[in-house]
Amino acid sequence: GKKMVVSTDMLVEGVHFDLAYVPLKHLGFKAVSVNVSDIYAMNATPRQITVSIAMSNRFSVEAMEEFYAGMMLACHKHKVDIVGGDTTTNKSGLVISITAIGEADEDDLVYRDGAKEGDLLCVTGDLGAAYVGLQLLEREKQIFMESPGVQPDLEGNDYILERQLKPEARKDIPVLLKKLEVKPTSMIDVSDGLASEILHLCTQSTTGCNLYEEKIPIDPSTYNMAREFNLDPTVCALSGGEDYELLFTIDQSDFPKIKANPDITVIGHMT
């Protein structure tokens, strides 16, 4: 009696990740997280994934076991089963393709096309951290390439590094919304940056949007690191991506139910 939802995502070495600074265990965890995130973005519950991997012979069995250990950690966290997939050889690098399968009651499903004029635009957590974490890792990699003896200086930047290397899909949000008796009118996860995701909601819902810059939630450590790189923190939030927070619209009448929640920020409204 449930509706099934399916989402698929690919991660390609050299495009989506760099094994110079991404541990395989973290990569396995992230590969699962980014896929189940899409299921949560439909207000559904992930149940199963299939995993297909193309890898070159430079990966040892131990290396792949490490990768799978990370995946299992995430599967355990999201109560998801790996039910199949494929492995094949590849002349270059590592390619990971994961398909996530979830379910929900039809009445609970949320799509991208339900936003209407006057709806409030909300986002969970904070934005931009994954992108500045990536900048930091890239900088330390450059320094290491130029002088291989130098140890990376990552002290005190745990939050932004974790946001990049080990992102957490927001499994708590569909549960929270149900508890608050709020059903979003549209929803998407922030994988490509806030600007691009808002555009998806607007295009699919045939609405516009007023976004308030000062309302965009940015963690102080993200802000400070962005400034250190001479980056505009707002641009990091708008275009950085990989935050895997949930962006959704709600009817104005639901505002009292969410306004006291520290995990949800109203950042604009639909026009």
C-alpha atoms as a PDB file:
ATOM      1  CA  GLY A   1       0.000   0.000   0.000  1.00  0.00           C
ATOM      2  CA  LYS A   2       3.024   2.304  -0.125  1.00  0.00           C
ATOM      3  CA  LYS A   3       4.458   4.332  -2.983  1.00  0.00           C
ATOM      4  CA  MET A   4       8.006   3.498  -4.006  1.00  0.00           C
ATOM      5  CA  VAL A   5      10.570   6.216  -4.738  1.00  0.00           C
ATOM      6  CA  VAL A   6      13.857   5.645  -6.556  1.00  0.00           C
ATOM      7  CA  SER A   7      16.924   7.853  -6.867  1.00  0.00           C
ATOM      8  CA  THR A   8      20.336   7.248  -8.369  1.00  0.00           C
ATOM      9  CA  ASP A   9      23.650   9.072  -8.071  1.00  0.00           C
ATOM     10  CA  MET A  10      27.152   8.636  -9.388  1.00  0.00           C
ATOM     11  CA  LEU A  11      30.479   9.560  -7.821  1.00  0.00           C
ATOM     12  CA  VAL A  12      33.490   9.723 -10.142  1.00  0.00           C
ATOM     13  CA  GLU A  13      37.108   9.946  -8.994  1.00  0.00           C
ATOM     14  CA  GLY A  14      38.730  13.199 -10.078  1.00  0.00           C
ATOM     15  CA  VAL A  15      35.324  14.849 -10.487  1.00  0.00           C
ATOM     16  CA  HIS A  16      33.470  14.234  -7.224  1.00  0.00           C
ATOM     17  CA  PHE A  17      36.299  13.173  -4.950  1.00  0.00           C
ATOM     18  CA  ASP A  18      40.087  13.142  -4.694  1.00  0.00           C
ATOM     19  CA  LEU A  19      41.626  10.134  -2.967  1.00  0.00           C
ATOM     20  CA  ALA A  20      44.666  12.229  -2.059  1.00  0.00           C
ATOM     21  CA  TYR A  21      42.693  13.438   0.957  1.00  0.00           C
ATOM     22  CA  VAL A  22      39.456  11.429   1.025  1.00  0.00           C
ATOM     23  CA  PRO A  23      39.764   8.233   3.118  1.00  0.00           C
ATOM     24  CA  LEU A  24      37.980   5.298   1.460  1.00  0.00           C
ATOM     25  CA  LYS A  25      35.902   4.659   4.573  1.00  0.00           C
ATOM     26  CA  HIS A  26      34.603   8.232   4.493  1.00  0.00           C
ATOM     27  CA  LEU A  27      33.928   7.902   0.782  1.00  0.00           C
ATOM     28  CA  GLY A  28      31.805   4.808   1.374  1.00  0.00           C
ATOM     29  CA  PHE A  29      29.836   6.619   4.065  1.00  0.00           C
ATOM     30  CA  LYS A  30      29.349   9.675   1.853  1.00  0.00           C
ATOM     31  CA  ALA A  31      28.289   7.600  -1.172  1.00  0.00           C
ATOM     32  CA  VAL A  32      25.370   6.174   0.808  1.00  0.00           C
ATOM     33  CA  SER A  33      24.502   9.467   2.559  1.00  0.00           C
ATOM     34  CA  VAL A  34      24.179  11.494  -0.647  1.00  0.00           C
ATOM     35  CA  ASN A  35      21.820   8.904  -2.110  1.00  0.00           C
ATOM     36  CA  VAL A  36      19.500   8.473   0.855  1.00  0.00           C
ATOM     37  CA  SER A  37      19.419  12.277   1.147  1.00  0.00           C
ATOM     38  CA  ASP A  38      17.399  12.362  -2.104  1.00  0.00           C
ATOM     39  CA  ILE A  39      14.885   9.943  -0.592  1.00  0.00           C
ATOM     40  CA  TYR A  40      14.467  12.091   2.537  1.00  0.00           C
ATOM     41  CA  ALA A  41      13.958  15.061   0.205  1.00  0.00           C
ATOM     42  CA  MET A  42      10.734  13.395  -0.958  1.00  0.00           C
ATOM     43  CA  ASN A  43       9.630  12.976   2.661  1.00  0.00           C
ATOM     44  CA  ALA A  44      10.108   9.218   2.235  1.00  0.00           C
ATOM     45  CA  THR A  45      12.037   6.516   4.097  1.00  0.00           C
ATOM     46  CA  PRO A  46      14.984   4.797   2.373  1.00  0.00           C
ATOM     47  CA  ARG A  47      14.855   0.989   2.541  1.00  0.00           C
ATOM     48  CA  GLN A  48      17.430  -0.463   0.132  1.00  0.00           C
ATOM     49  CA  ILE A  49      20.351   0.457  -2.077  1.00  0.00           C
ATOM     50  CA  THR A  50      22.167  -1.226  -4.931  1.00  0.00           C
ATOM     51  CA  VAL A  51      25.865  -0.496  -5.368  1.00  0.00           C
ATOM     52  CA  SER A  52      27.798  -0.648  -8.621  1.00  0.00           C
ATOM     53  CA  ILE A  53      31.527  -0.017  -8.665  1.00  0.00           C
ATOM     54  CA  ALA A  54      34.043   0.238 -11.502  1.00  0.00           C
ATOM     55  CA  MET A  55      37.618   0.210 -10.220  1.00  0.00           C
ATOM     56  CA  SER A  56      41.139  -0.118 -11.537  1.00  0.00           C
ATOM     57  CA  ASN A  57      43.626  -2.731 -10.339  1.00  0.00           C
ATOM     58  CA  ARG A  58      45.414  -0.244  -8.085  1.00  0.00           C
ATOM     59  CA  PHE A  59      42.731  -0.905  -5.451  1.00  0.00           C
ATOM     60  CA  SER A  60      43.545  -3.800  -3.147  1.00  0.00           C
ATOM     61  CA  VAL A  61      40.898  -6.042  -1.610  1.00  0.00           C
ATOM     62  CA  GLU A  62      41.691  -4.378   1.757  1.00  0.00           C
ATOM     63  CA  ALA A  63      41.065  -0.941   0.253  1.00  0.00           C
ATOM     64  CA  MET A  64      37.651  -2.000  -1.023  1.00  0.00           C
ATOM     65  CA  GLU A  65      36.813  -3.589   2.321  1.00  0.00           C
ATOM     66  CA  GLU A  66      37.550  -0.236   3.914  1.00  0.00           C
ATOM     67  CA  PHE A  67      35.199   1.434   1.407  1.00  0.00           C
ATOM     68  CA  TYR A  68      32.465  -1.108   2.161  1.00  0.00           C
ATOM     69  CA  ALA A  69      32.974  -0.647   5.920  1.00  0.00           C
ATOM     70  CA  GLY A  70      32.105   3.032   5.447  1.00  0.00           C
ATOM     71  CA  MET A  71      29.050   2.131   3.396  1.00  0.00           C
ATOM     72  CA  MET A  72      27.868  -0.359   5.998  1.00  0.00           C
ATOM     73  CA  LEU A  73      28.234   2.284   8.702  1.00  0.00           C
ATOM     74  CA  ALA A  74      25.904   4.606   6.789  1.00  0.00           C
ATOM     75  CA  CYS A  75      23.509   1.753   5.928  1.00  0.00           C
ATOM     76  CA  HIS A  76      23.308   0.859   9.594  1.00  0.00           C
ATOM     77  CA  LYS A  77      22.635   4.478  10.501  1.00  0.00           C
ATOM     78  CA  HIS A  78      19.799   4.812   7.975  1.00  0.00           C
ATOM     79  CA  LYS A  79      18.485   1.247   8.432  1.00  0.00           C
ATOM     80  CA  VAL A  80      19.102   0.490   4.776  1.00  0.00           C
ATOM     81  CA  ASP A  81      20.033  -2.858   3.180  1.00  0.00           C
ATOM     82  CA  ILE A  82      22.503  -3.333   0.325  1.00  0.00           C
ATOM     83  CA  VAL A  83      20.523  -5.680  -1.928  1.00  0.00           C
ATOM     84  CA  GLY A  84      22.759  -6.016  -4.968  1.00  0.00           C
ATOM     85  CA  GLY A  85      24.760  -4.222  -7.607  1.00  0.00           C
ATOM     86  CA  ASP A  86      27.701  -4.904  -9.873  1.00  0.00           C
ATOM     87  CA  THR A  87      31.483  -4.702  -9.870  1.00  0.00           C
ATOM     88  CA  THR A  88      33.563  -4.267 -12.967  1.00  0.00           C
ATOM     89  CA  THR A  89      37.088  -3.300 -13.893  1.00  0.00           C
ATOM     90  CA  ASN A  90      37.980   0.156 -15.089  1.00  0.00           C
ATOM     91  CA  LYS A  91      41.116   1.451 -16.821  1.00  0.00           C
ATOM     92  CA  SER A  92      41.100   4.643 -14.776  1.00  0.00           C
ATOM     93  CA  GLY A  93      40.132   5.567 -11.252  1.00  0.00           C
ATOM     94  CA  LEU A  94      37.064   4.653  -9.262  1.00  0.00           C
ATOM     95  CA  VAL A  95      33.428   5.110 -10.267  1.00  0.00           C
ATOM     96  CA  ILE A  96      30.620   4.487  -7.777  1.00  0.00           C
ATOM     97  CA  SER A  97      26.979   4.346  -8.771  1.00  0.00           C
ATOM     98  CA  ILE A  98      24.331   3.866  -6.103  1.00  0.00           C
ATOM     99  CA  THR A  99      20.586   3.531  -6.522  1.00  0.00           C
ATOM    100  CA  ALA A 100      18.442   4.162  -3.457  1.00  0.00           C
ATOM    101  CA  ILE A 101      14.940   2.790  -3.079  1.00  0.00           C
ATOM    102  CA  GLY A 102      12.532   4.213  -0.537  1.00  0.00           C
ATOM    103  CA  GLU A 103       8.879   4.181   0.364  1.00  0.00           C
ATOM    104  CA  ALA A 104       6.189   6.442   1.738  1.00  0.00           C
ATOM    105  CA  ASP A 105       2.446   6.752   2.078  1.00  0.00           C
ATOM    106  CA  GLU A 106       1.117   8.579  -0.953  1.00  0.00           C
ATOM    107  CA  ASP A 107      -0.259  11.392   1.235  1.00  0.00           C
ATOM    108  CA  ASP A 108       3.176  12.018   2.753  1.00  0.00           C
ATOM    109  CA  LEU A 109       5.168  12.312  -0.482  1.00  0.00           C
ATOM    110  CA  VAL A 110       6.531  15.747  -1.303  1.00  0.00           C
ATOM    111  CA  TYR A 111       7.627  16.732  -4.820  1.00  0.00           C
ATOM    112  CA  ARG A 112       9.436  19.759  -6.221  1.00  0.00           C
ATOM    113  CA  ASP A 113       6.424  21.270  -7.935  1.00  0.00           C
ATOM    114  CA  GLY A 114       4.036  22.116  -5.097  1.00  0.00           C
ATOM    115  CA  ALA A 115       5.282  25.548  -3.985  1.00  0.00           C
ATOM    116  CA  LYS A 116       2.824  28.379  -4.353  1.00  0.00           C
ATOM    117  CA  GLU A 117       2.938  32.150  -4.072  1.00  0.00           C
ATOM    118  CA  GLY A 118       3.310  33.272  -0.451  1.00  0.00           C
ATOM    119  CA  ASP A 119       4.817  29.969   0.754  1.00  0.00           C
ATOM    120  CA  LEU A 120       7.765  30.347   3.107  1.00  0.00           C
ATOM    121  CA  LEU A 121      11.122  28.993   1.965  1.00  0.00           C
ATOM    122  CA  CYS A 122      12.930  27.086   4.739  1.00  0.00           C
ATOM    123  CA  VAL A 123      16.260  25.326   5.041  1.00  0.00           C
ATOM    124  CA  THR A 124      17.653  22.971   7.672  1.00  0.00           C
ATOM    125  CA  GLY A 125      21.046  23.299   9.378  1.00  0.00           C
ATOM    126  CA  ASP A 126      23.612  25.661   7.872  1.00  0.00           C
ATOM    127  CA  LEU A 127      25.154  26.098   4.431  1.00  0.00           C
ATOM    128  CA  GLY A 128      28.524  26.559   2.742  1.00  0.00           C
ATOM    129  CA  ALA A 129      30.595  24.475   5.149  1.00  0.00           C
ATOM    130  CA  ALA A 130      31.269  21.575   2.764  1.00  0.00           C
ATOM    131  CA  TYR A 131      32.595  23.963   0.136  1.00  0.00           C
ATOM    132  CA  VAL A 132      35.039  25.778   2.421  1.00  0.00           C
ATOM    133  CA  GLY A 133      36.085  22.394   3.829  1.00  0.00           C
ATOM    134  CA  LEU A 134      36.952  21.388   0.275  1.00  0.00           C
ATOM    135  CA  GLN A 135      38.963  24.601  -0.227  1.00  0.00           C
ATOM    136  CA  LEU A 136      40.956  23.827   2.908  1.00  0.00           C
ATOM    137  CA  LEU A 137      41.690  20.251   1.789  1.00  0.00           C
ATOM    138  CA  GLU A 138      42.702  21.460  -1.682  1.00  0.00           C
ATOM    139  CA  ARG A 139      45.038  24.064  -0.179  1.00  0.00           C
ATOM    140  CA  GLU A 140      46.725  21.524   2.082  1.00  0.00           C
ATOM    141  CA  LYS A 141      47.067  19.144  -0.867  1.00  0.00           C
ATOM    142  CA  GLN A 142      48.845  21.876  -2.896  1.00  0.00           C
ATOM    143  CA  ILE A 143      51.221  22.570  -0.029  1.00  0.00           C
ATOM    144  CA  PHE A 144      51.915  18.848   0.292  1.00  0.00           C
ATOM    145  CA  MET A 145      52.580  18.512  -3.471  1.00  0.00           C
ATOM    146  CA  GLU A 146      55.098  21.374  -3.316  1.00  0.00           C
ATOM    147  CA  SER A 147      56.843  20.117  -0.170  1.00  0.00           C
ATOM    148  CA  PRO A 148      55.964  16.482   0.593  1.00  0.00           C
ATOM    149  CA  GLY A 149      57.490  16.570   4.091  1.00  0.00           C
ATOM    150  CA  VAL A 150      55.000  19.099   5.415  1.00  0.00           C
ATOM    151  CA  GLN A 151      52.174  17.785   7.590  1.00  0.00           C
ATOM    152  CA  PRO A 152      48.725  19.194   6.752  1.00  0.00           C
ATOM    153  CA  ASP A 153      47.495  21.882   9.132  1.00  0.00           C
ATOM    154  CA  LEU A 154      43.835  21.050   9.704  1.00  0.00           C
ATOM    155  CA  GLU A 155      43.731  21.895  13.407  1.00  0.00           C
ATOM    156  CA  GLY A 156      40.477  23.346  14.713  1.00  0.00           C
ATOM    157  CA  ASN A 157      38.560  22.882  11.460  1.00  0.00           C
ATOM    158  CA  ASP A 158      36.758  19.652  12.325  1.00  0.00           C
ATOM    159  CA  TYR A 159      33.294  20.947  11.529  1.00  0.00           C
ATOM    160  CA  ILE A 160      33.900  22.117   7.967  1.00  0.00           C
ATOM    161  CA  LEU A 161      36.071  19.078   7.186  1.00  0.00           C
ATOM    162  CA  GLU A 162      33.422  16.690   8.438  1.00  0.00           C
ATOM    163  CA  ARG A 163      30.798  18.476   6.363  1.00  0.00           C
ATOM    164  CA  GLN A 164      32.879  17.756   3.273  1.00  0.00           C
ATOM    165  CA  LEU A 165      34.252  14.286   4.056  1.00  0.00           C
ATOM    166  CA  LYS A 166      31.397  12.745   6.035  1.00  0.00           C
ATOM    167  CA  PRO A 167      28.120  14.502   5.241  1.00  0.00           C
ATOM    168  CA  GLU A 168      25.053  13.413   7.172  1.00  0.00           C
ATOM    169  CA  ALA A 169      21.726  12.993   5.368  1.00  0.00           C
ATOM    170  CA  ARG A 170      18.908  14.609   7.340  1.00  0.00           C
ATOM    171  CA  LYS A 171      16.902  11.550   8.374  1.00  0.00           C
ATOM    172  CA  ASP A 172      15.656  13.498  11.390  1.00  0.00           C
ATOM    173  CA  ILE A 173      13.756  16.095   9.358  1.00  0.00           C
ATOM    174  CA  PRO A 174      10.886  14.021   7.889  1.00  0.00           C
ATOM    175  CA  VAL A 175      10.333  12.665  11.425  1.00  0.00           C
ATOM    176  CA  LEU A 176      10.414  16.169  12.906  1.00  0.00           C
ATOM    177  CA  LEU A 177       7.996  17.571  10.297  1.00  0.00           C
ATOM    178  CA  LYS A 178       5.560  14.757  10.985  1.00  0.00           C
ATOM    179  CA  LYS A 179       5.763  15.466  14.706  1.00  0.00           C
ATOM    180  CA  LEU A 180       5.141  19.171  14.096  1.00  0.00           C
ATOM    181  CA  GLU A 181       2.270  18.238  11.742  1.00  0.00           C
ATOM    182  CA  VAL A 182       3.825  20.190   8.898  1.00  0.00           C
ATOM    183  CA  LYS A 183       3.745  18.845   5.361  1.00  0.00           C
ATOM    184  CA  PRO A 184       6.031  20.843   3.035  1.00  0.00           C
ATOM    185  CA  THR A 185       4.484  21.992  -0.243  1.00  0.00           C
ATOM    186  CA  SER A 186       7.758  21.251  -2.079  1.00  0.00           C
ATOM    187  CA  MET A 187      11.186  19.936  -1.074  1.00  0.00           C
ATOM    188  CA  ILE A 188      14.675  19.194  -2.430  1.00  0.00           C
ATOM    189  CA  ASP A 189      18.084  18.470  -0.904  1.00  0.00           C
ATOM    190  CA  VAL A 190      20.957  20.934  -1.208  1.00  0.00           C
ATOM    191  CA  SER A 191      23.505  19.018  -3.248  1.00  0.00           C
ATOM    192  CA  ASP A 192      24.472  21.629  -5.863  1.00  0.00           C
ATOM    193  CA  GLY A 193      24.192  24.811  -3.815  1.00  0.00           C
ATOM    194  CA  LEU A 194      21.261  26.842  -2.545  1.00  0.00           C
ATOM    195  CA  ALA A 195      20.852  28.959  -5.707  1.00  0.00           C
ATOM    196  CA  SER A 196      20.548  25.982  -8.023  1.00  0.00           C
ATOM    197  CA  GLU A 197      18.105  24.154  -5.728  1.00  0.00           C
ATOM    198  CA  ILE A 198      15.852  27.204  -5.305  1.00  0.00           C
ATOM    199  CA  LEU A 199      15.830  27.487  -9.086  1.00  0.00           C
ATOM    200  CA  HIS A 200      14.679  23.850  -9.349  1.00  0.00           C
ATOM    201  CA  LEU A 201      11.785  24.486  -6.948  1.00  0.00           C
ATOM    202  CA  CYS A 202      10.823  27.719  -8.755  1.00  0.00           C
ATOM    203  CA  THR A 203      10.998  26.182 -12.224  1.00  0.00           C
ATOM    204  CA  GLN A 204       9.014  23.077 -11.259  1.00  0.00           C
ATOM    205  CA  SER A 205       6.457  25.084  -9.257  1.00  0.00           C
ATOM    206  CA  THR A 206       6.316  27.983 -11.772  1.00  0.00           C
ATOM    207  CA  THR A 207       6.982  30.518  -9.019  1.00  0.00           C
ATOM    208  CA  GLY A 208       9.646  33.081  -8.267  1.00  0.00           C
ATOM    209  CA  CYS A 209      11.396  33.582  -4.963  1.00  0.00           C
ATOM    210  CA  ASN A 210      12.568  36.373  -2.686  1.00  0.00           C
ATOM    211  CA  LEU A 211      15.619  35.238  -0.744  1.00  0.00           C
ATOM    212  CA  TYR A 212      17.003  37.260   2.168  1.00  0.00           C
ATOM    213  CA  GLU A 213      20.788  37.202   2.306  1.00  0.00           C
ATOM    214  CA  GLU A 214      20.993  37.990   6.024  1.00  0.00           C
ATOM    215  CA  LYS A 215      18.727  35.012   6.799  1.00  0.00           C
ATOM    216  CA  ILE A 216      20.948  32.382   5.110  1.00  0.00           C
ATOM    217  CA  PRO A 217      22.307  30.211   7.960  1.00  0.00           C
ATOM    218  CA  ILE A 218      26.124  30.142   7.874  1.00  0.00           C
ATOM    219  CA  ASP A 219      28.192  28.663  10.696  1.00  0.00           C
ATOM    220  CA  PRO A 220      30.851  31.021  12.176  1.00  0.00           C
ATOM    221  CA  SER A 221      33.642  28.568  11.279  1.00  0.00           C
ATOM    222  CA  THR A 222      32.397  28.529   7.665  1.00  0.00           C
ATOM    223  CA  TYR A 223      32.239  32.327   7.636  1.00  0.00           C
ATOM    224  CA  ASN A 224      35.762  32.747   9.015  1.00  0.00           C
ATOM    225  CA  MET A 225      37.345  30.179   6.709  1.00  0.00           C
ATOM    226  CA  ALA A 226      35.596  31.668   3.666  1.00  0.00           C
ATOM    227  CA  ARG A 227      37.037  35.066   4.613  1.00  0.00           C
ATOM    228  CA  GLU A 228      40.475  33.504   4.982  1.00  0.00           C
ATOM    229  CA  PHE A 229      40.206  32.315   1.365  1.00  0.00           C
ATOM    230  CA  ASN A 230      38.908  35.738   0.263  1.00  0.00           C
ATOM    231  CA  LEU A 231      35.583  34.153  -0.588  1.00  0.00           C
ATOM    232  CA  ASP A 232      32.179  35.671   0.030  1.00  0.00           C
ATOM    233  CA  PRO A 233      30.443  33.385   2.590  1.00  0.00           C
ATOM    234  CA  THR A 234      27.079  34.011   0.877  1.00  0.00           C
ATOM    235  CA  VAL A 235      28.482  32.840  -2.457  1.00  0.00           C
ATOM    236  CA  CYS A 236      29.789  29.693  -0.720  1.00  0.00           C
ATOM    237  CA  ALA A 237      26.270  28.992   0.557  1.00  0.00           C
ATOM    238  CA  LEU A 238      24.611  29.814  -2.764  1.00  0.00           C
ATOM    239  CA  SER A 239      26.960  27.963  -5.090  1.00  0.00           C
ATOM    240  CA  GLY A 240      29.132  25.667  -2.984  1.00  0.00           C
ATOM    241  CA  GLY A 241      26.883  22.634  -2.773  1.00  0.00           C
ATOM    242  CA  GLU A 242      27.344  19.288  -1.027  1.00  0.00           C
ATOM    243  CA  ASP A 243      25.647  20.479   2.163  1.00  0.00           C
ATOM    244  CA  TYR A 244      22.894  17.831   1.914  1.00  0.00           C
ATOM    245  CA  GLU A 245      20.546  19.924   3.991  1.00  0.00           C
ATOM    246  CA  LEU A 246      16.849  19.973   3.083  1.00  0.00           C
ATOM    247  CA  LEU A 247      15.295  23.001   1.393  1.00  0.00           C
ATOM    248  CA  PHE A 248      11.517  23.151   1.470  1.00  0.00           C
ATOM    249  CA  THR A 249       8.492  25.425   1.246  1.00  0.00           C
ATOM    250  CA  ILE A 250       5.612  25.526   3.703  1.00  0.00           C
ATOM    251  CA  ASP A 251       2.262  27.245   3.843  1.00  0.00           C
ATOM    252  CA  GLN A 252       2.359  30.490   5.871  1.00  0.00           C
ATOM    253  CA  SER A 253      -0.200  29.062   8.309  1.00  0.00           C
ATOM    254  CA  ASP A 254       2.419  26.479   9.382  1.00  0.00           C
ATOM    255  CA  PHE A 255       4.926  29.148  10.437  1.00  0.00           C
ATOM    256  CA  PRO A 256       3.984  29.080  14.172  1.00  0.00           C
ATOM    257  CA  LYS A 257       4.740  25.328  14.256  1.00  0.00           C
ATOM    258  CA  ILE A 258       8.320  25.693  13.034  1.00  0.00           C
ATOM    259  CA  LYS A 259       9.374  29.151  14.204  1.00  0.00           C
ATOM    260  CA  ALA A 260      10.829  28.002  17.530  1.00  0.00           C
ATOM    261  CA  ASN A 261      12.849  25.200  15.959  1.00  0.00           C
ATOM    262  CA  PRO A 262      16.613  25.907  16.009  1.00  0.00           C
ATOM    263  CA  ASP A 263      17.189  23.494  13.123  1.00  0.00           C
ATOM    264  CA  ILE A 264      14.912  25.209  10.594  1.00  0.00           C
ATOM    265  CA  THR A 265      15.470  28.724   9.204  1.00  0.00           C
ATOM    266  CA  VAL A 266      13.013  30.678   7.087  1.00  0.00           C
ATOM    267  CA  ILE A 267      15.153  32.312   4.388  1.00  0.00           C
ATOM    268  CA  GLY A 268      12.594  33.759   2.003  1.00  0.00           C
ATOM    269  CA  HIS A 269       9.208  33.360   0.361  1.00  0.00           C
ATOM    270  CA  MET A 270       7.819  32.311  -2.985  1.00  0.00           C
ATOM    271  CA  THR A 271       6.439  34.946  -5.384  1.00  0.00           C
END
